[in-house]
């Protein structure tokens, strides 16, 4: 399968969901290029919520997916993540290049699968919460080890790592 994701994350998700058609995605940092969930929306009739802070990118998502999804053109934060999230989620993708760890830590819904970006240059821990930080800032994000520990606390097991993204399954 030729995917849209950065490192084949969408192919892993297709393997994990099997023959499932229909489901709910929650994509935080939802650019079309490099999307972990676009193929689920396009080929498996998934719906859901896409959150993208960049106005131009949000407009592209609205045009691409129409009424299949709800697109919020806002920055996801520790304070609003649960208001943005749908009540049930099959696949959650978090890739905001900064506060990813904090958003997953705060998320009250427990998706079946989570794809989340790590900072591979960070060996341990995670950066302090700062909604204004980005990948040009230092420090930013979280180490793979910190994300694995958070996943264990939240009841997830690591399935695989593809590039900078870790894929978890709820156990």
Protein backbone atom coordinates (compact mmCIF):
# COMPACT_ATOMS: atom_id res chain seq x y z
CA UNK A 1 0.00 0.00 0.00
CA UNK A 2 1.36 3.40 -0.96
CA UNK A 3 0.53 5.62 1.96
CA UNK A 4 0.47 9.27 2.84
CA UNK A 5 2.27 8.96 6.16
CA UNK A 6 5.91 9.89 6.75
CA UNK A 7 7.31 6.44 7.50
CA UNK A 8 4.58 3.89 6.68
CA UNK A 9 2.54 4.44 9.83
CA UNK A 10 -0.70 4.19 7.85
CA UNK A 11 0.28 0.71 6.58
CA UNK A 12 0.84 -0.41 10.18
CA UNK A 13 -2.57 0.99 11.15
CA UNK A 14 -4.22 -0.88 8.26
CA UNK A 15 -2.63 -4.11 9.54
CA UNK A 16 -3.77 -3.40 13.10
CA UNK A 17 -7.40 -2.61 12.24
CA UNK A 18 -7.69 -5.56 9.88
CA UNK A 19 -10.84 -5.51 7.75
CA UNK A 20 -12.57 -2.82 9.81
CA UNK A 21 -14.54 -0.34 7.73
CA UNK A 22 -15.76 2.79 9.46
CA UNK A 23 -14.29 4.19 12.61
CA UNK A 24 -13.32 7.42 14.26
CA UNK A 25 -10.01 9.26 14.01
CA UNK A 26 -8.70 12.14 16.09
CA UNK A 27 -5.74 13.78 14.38
CA UNK A 28 -3.97 16.57 16.26
CA UNK A 29 -1.52 18.39 14.00
CA UNK A 30 -3.47 17.16 11.00
CA UNK A 31 -1.62 18.25 7.91
CA UNK A 32 -2.55 16.33 4.76
CA UNK A 33 1.06 15.71 3.71
CA UNK A 34 2.48 13.08 6.04
CA UNK A 35 -0.93 12.21 7.51
CA UNK A 36 -1.20 9.05 9.57
CA UNK A 37 -4.99 8.85 9.14
CA UNK A 38 -5.83 10.19 5.63
CA UNK A 39 -5.88 6.72 4.07
CA UNK A 40 -8.30 5.51 6.77
CA UNK A 41 -10.66 8.35 5.87
CA UNK A 42 -10.25 7.85 2.12
CA UNK A 43 -10.23 4.05 1.86
CA UNK A 44 -11.92 2.72 5.01
CA UNK A 45 -14.71 5.26 5.47
CA UNK A 46 -13.43 6.58 8.80
CA UNK A 47 -14.74 9.90 10.09
CA UNK A 48 -13.59 12.06 12.95
CA UNK A 49 -11.97 15.25 14.11
CA UNK A 50 -8.88 16.89 12.64
CA UNK A 51 -7.15 19.68 14.58
CA UNK A 52 -4.74 21.95 12.72
CA UNK A 53 -3.45 25.32 13.93
CA UNK A 54 -2.28 26.51 10.50
CA UNK A 55 -5.19 28.17 8.69
CA UNK A 56 -4.05 27.28 5.16
CA UNK A 57 -3.52 23.62 6.14
CA UNK A 58 -6.93 23.50 7.85
CA UNK A 59 -8.59 24.82 4.67
CA UNK A 60 -6.85 22.13 2.59
CA UNK A 61 -8.15 19.47 4.97
CA UNK A 62 -11.71 20.82 4.73
CA UNK A 63 -11.51 20.80 0.94
CA UNK A 64 -9.95 17.32 0.78
CA UNK A 65 -12.32 15.54 3.17
CA UNK A 66 -15.50 17.64 3.05
CA UNK A 67 -18.18 16.47 5.45
CA UNK A 68 -16.35 13.23 6.33
CA UNK A 69 -14.60 15.04 9.18
CA UNK A 70 -14.84 18.07 11.42
CA UNK A 71 -11.81 20.34 11.09
CA UNK A 72 -10.90 22.67 13.94
CA UNK A 73 -8.51 25.46 13.00
CA UNK A 74 -7.11 25.93 16.51
CA UNK A 75 -3.99 25.09 18.44
CA UNK A 76 -4.50 22.05 20.66
CA UNK A 77 -3.51 22.74 24.24
CA UNK A 78 -3.57 21.07 27.64
CA UNK A 79 -6.71 23.12 28.36
CA UNK A 80 -8.75 22.33 25.22
CA UNK A 81 -7.69 18.84 24.11
CA UNK A 82 -10.67 17.12 25.73
CA UNK A 83 -13.17 19.63 24.31
CA UNK A 84 -11.79 18.95 20.82
CA UNK A 85 -11.74 15.15 21.11
CA UNK A 86 -14.70 13.03 20.03
CA UNK A 87 -16.18 10.82 22.79
CA UNK A 88 -14.90 7.63 21.12
CA UNK A 89 -11.71 7.24 19.11
CA UNK A 90 -10.34 4.30 17.15
CA UNK A 91 -7.12 5.97 16.00
CA UNK A 92 -5.52 9.03 17.57
CA UNK A 93 -2.55 10.70 15.91
CA UNK A 94 -0.66 13.44 17.76
CA UNK A 95 2.03 15.31 15.84
CA UNK A 96 2.32 18.95 16.85
CA UNK A 97 6.12 19.05 17.03
CA UNK A 98 6.14 20.24 20.62
CA UNK A 99 3.69 19.37 23.41
CA UNK A 100 2.70 15.93 22.12
CA UNK A 101 3.45 14.16 25.44
CA UNK A 102 1.33 16.68 27.36
CA UNK A 103 -1.63 16.36 25.00
CA UNK A 104 -1.69 12.57 25.28
CA UNK A 105 -1.21 12.75 29.05
CA UNK A 106 -4.24 15.05 29.32
CA UNK A 107 -6.48 13.17 26.84
CA UNK A 108 -9.33 11.51 28.75
CA UNK A 109 -10.59 9.33 25.88
CA UNK A 110 -8.71 6.04 25.47
CA UNK A 111 -8.31 5.38 21.72
CA UNK A 112 -7.74 1.84 20.45
CA UNK A 113 -4.52 3.00 18.80
CA UNK A 114 -2.26 6.02 19.30
CA UNK A 115 0.39 7.31 16.91
CA UNK A 116 2.56 9.94 18.55
CA UNK A 117 5.71 11.76 17.54
CA UNK A 118 8.86 11.59 19.63
CA UNK A 119 11.92 13.79 19.64
CA UNK A 120 14.63 11.28 18.73
CA UNK A 121 17.34 13.73 19.82
CA UNK A 122 15.96 13.70 23.37
CA UNK A 123 17.32 10.62 25.17
CA UNK A 124 15.04 10.70 28.22
CA UNK A 125 12.16 12.71 29.62
CA UNK A 126 10.00 15.37 28.08
CA UNK A 127 10.11 19.14 27.75
CA UNK A 128 8.20 21.38 30.15
CA UNK A 129 4.72 22.35 29.04
CA UNK A 130 4.79 25.45 26.86
CA UNK A 131 2.10 25.84 24.17
CA UNK A 132 4.31 28.37 22.36
CA UNK A 133 7.24 25.99 21.89
CA UNK A 134 7.88 24.33 18.52
CA UNK A 135 10.44 22.03 16.98
CA UNK A 136 12.76 24.98 16.38
CA UNK A 137 12.82 25.54 20.15
CA UNK A 138 15.00 23.73 22.61
CA UNK A 139 13.92 21.65 24.38
CA UNK A 140 10.72 20.36 22.78
CA UNK A 141 8.72 17.15 22.67
CA UNK A 142 9.44 13.91 24.46
CA UNK A 143 11.79 10.98 24.21
CA UNK A 144 10.56 7.62 23.01
CA UNK A 145 11.24 6.30 26.49
CA UNK A 146 9.02 8.96 28.10
CA UNK A 147 6.23 8.15 25.64
CA UNK A 148 6.55 4.41 26.35
CA UNK A 149 6.26 5.08 30.08
CA UNK A 150 3.22 7.29 29.55
CA UNK A 151 1.69 4.60 27.35
CA UNK A 152 2.18 1.98 30.05
CA UNK A 153 0.56 4.24 32.65
CA UNK A 154 -2.42 4.81 30.33
CA UNK A 155 -2.79 1.09 29.54
CA UNK A 156 -1.03 0.80 26.17
CA UNK A 157 1.67 -1.38 24.68
CA UNK A 158 4.14 -0.22 22.07
CA UNK A 159 3.49 -1.96 18.74
CA UNK A 160 6.33 -0.42 16.75
CA UNK A 161 8.28 2.71 15.99
CA UNK A 162 8.31 4.10 12.46
CA UNK A 163 10.82 6.91 12.11
CA UNK A 164 10.05 9.43 14.85
CA UNK A 165 6.52 8.07 15.46
CA UNK A 166 5.58 5.46 18.04
CA UNK A 167 2.43 3.36 17.55
CA UNK A 168 0.61 2.07 20.62
CA UNK A 169 -2.28 -0.37 21.09
CA UNK A 170 -4.63 -0.20 24.08
CA UNK A 171 -4.40 -3.39 26.15
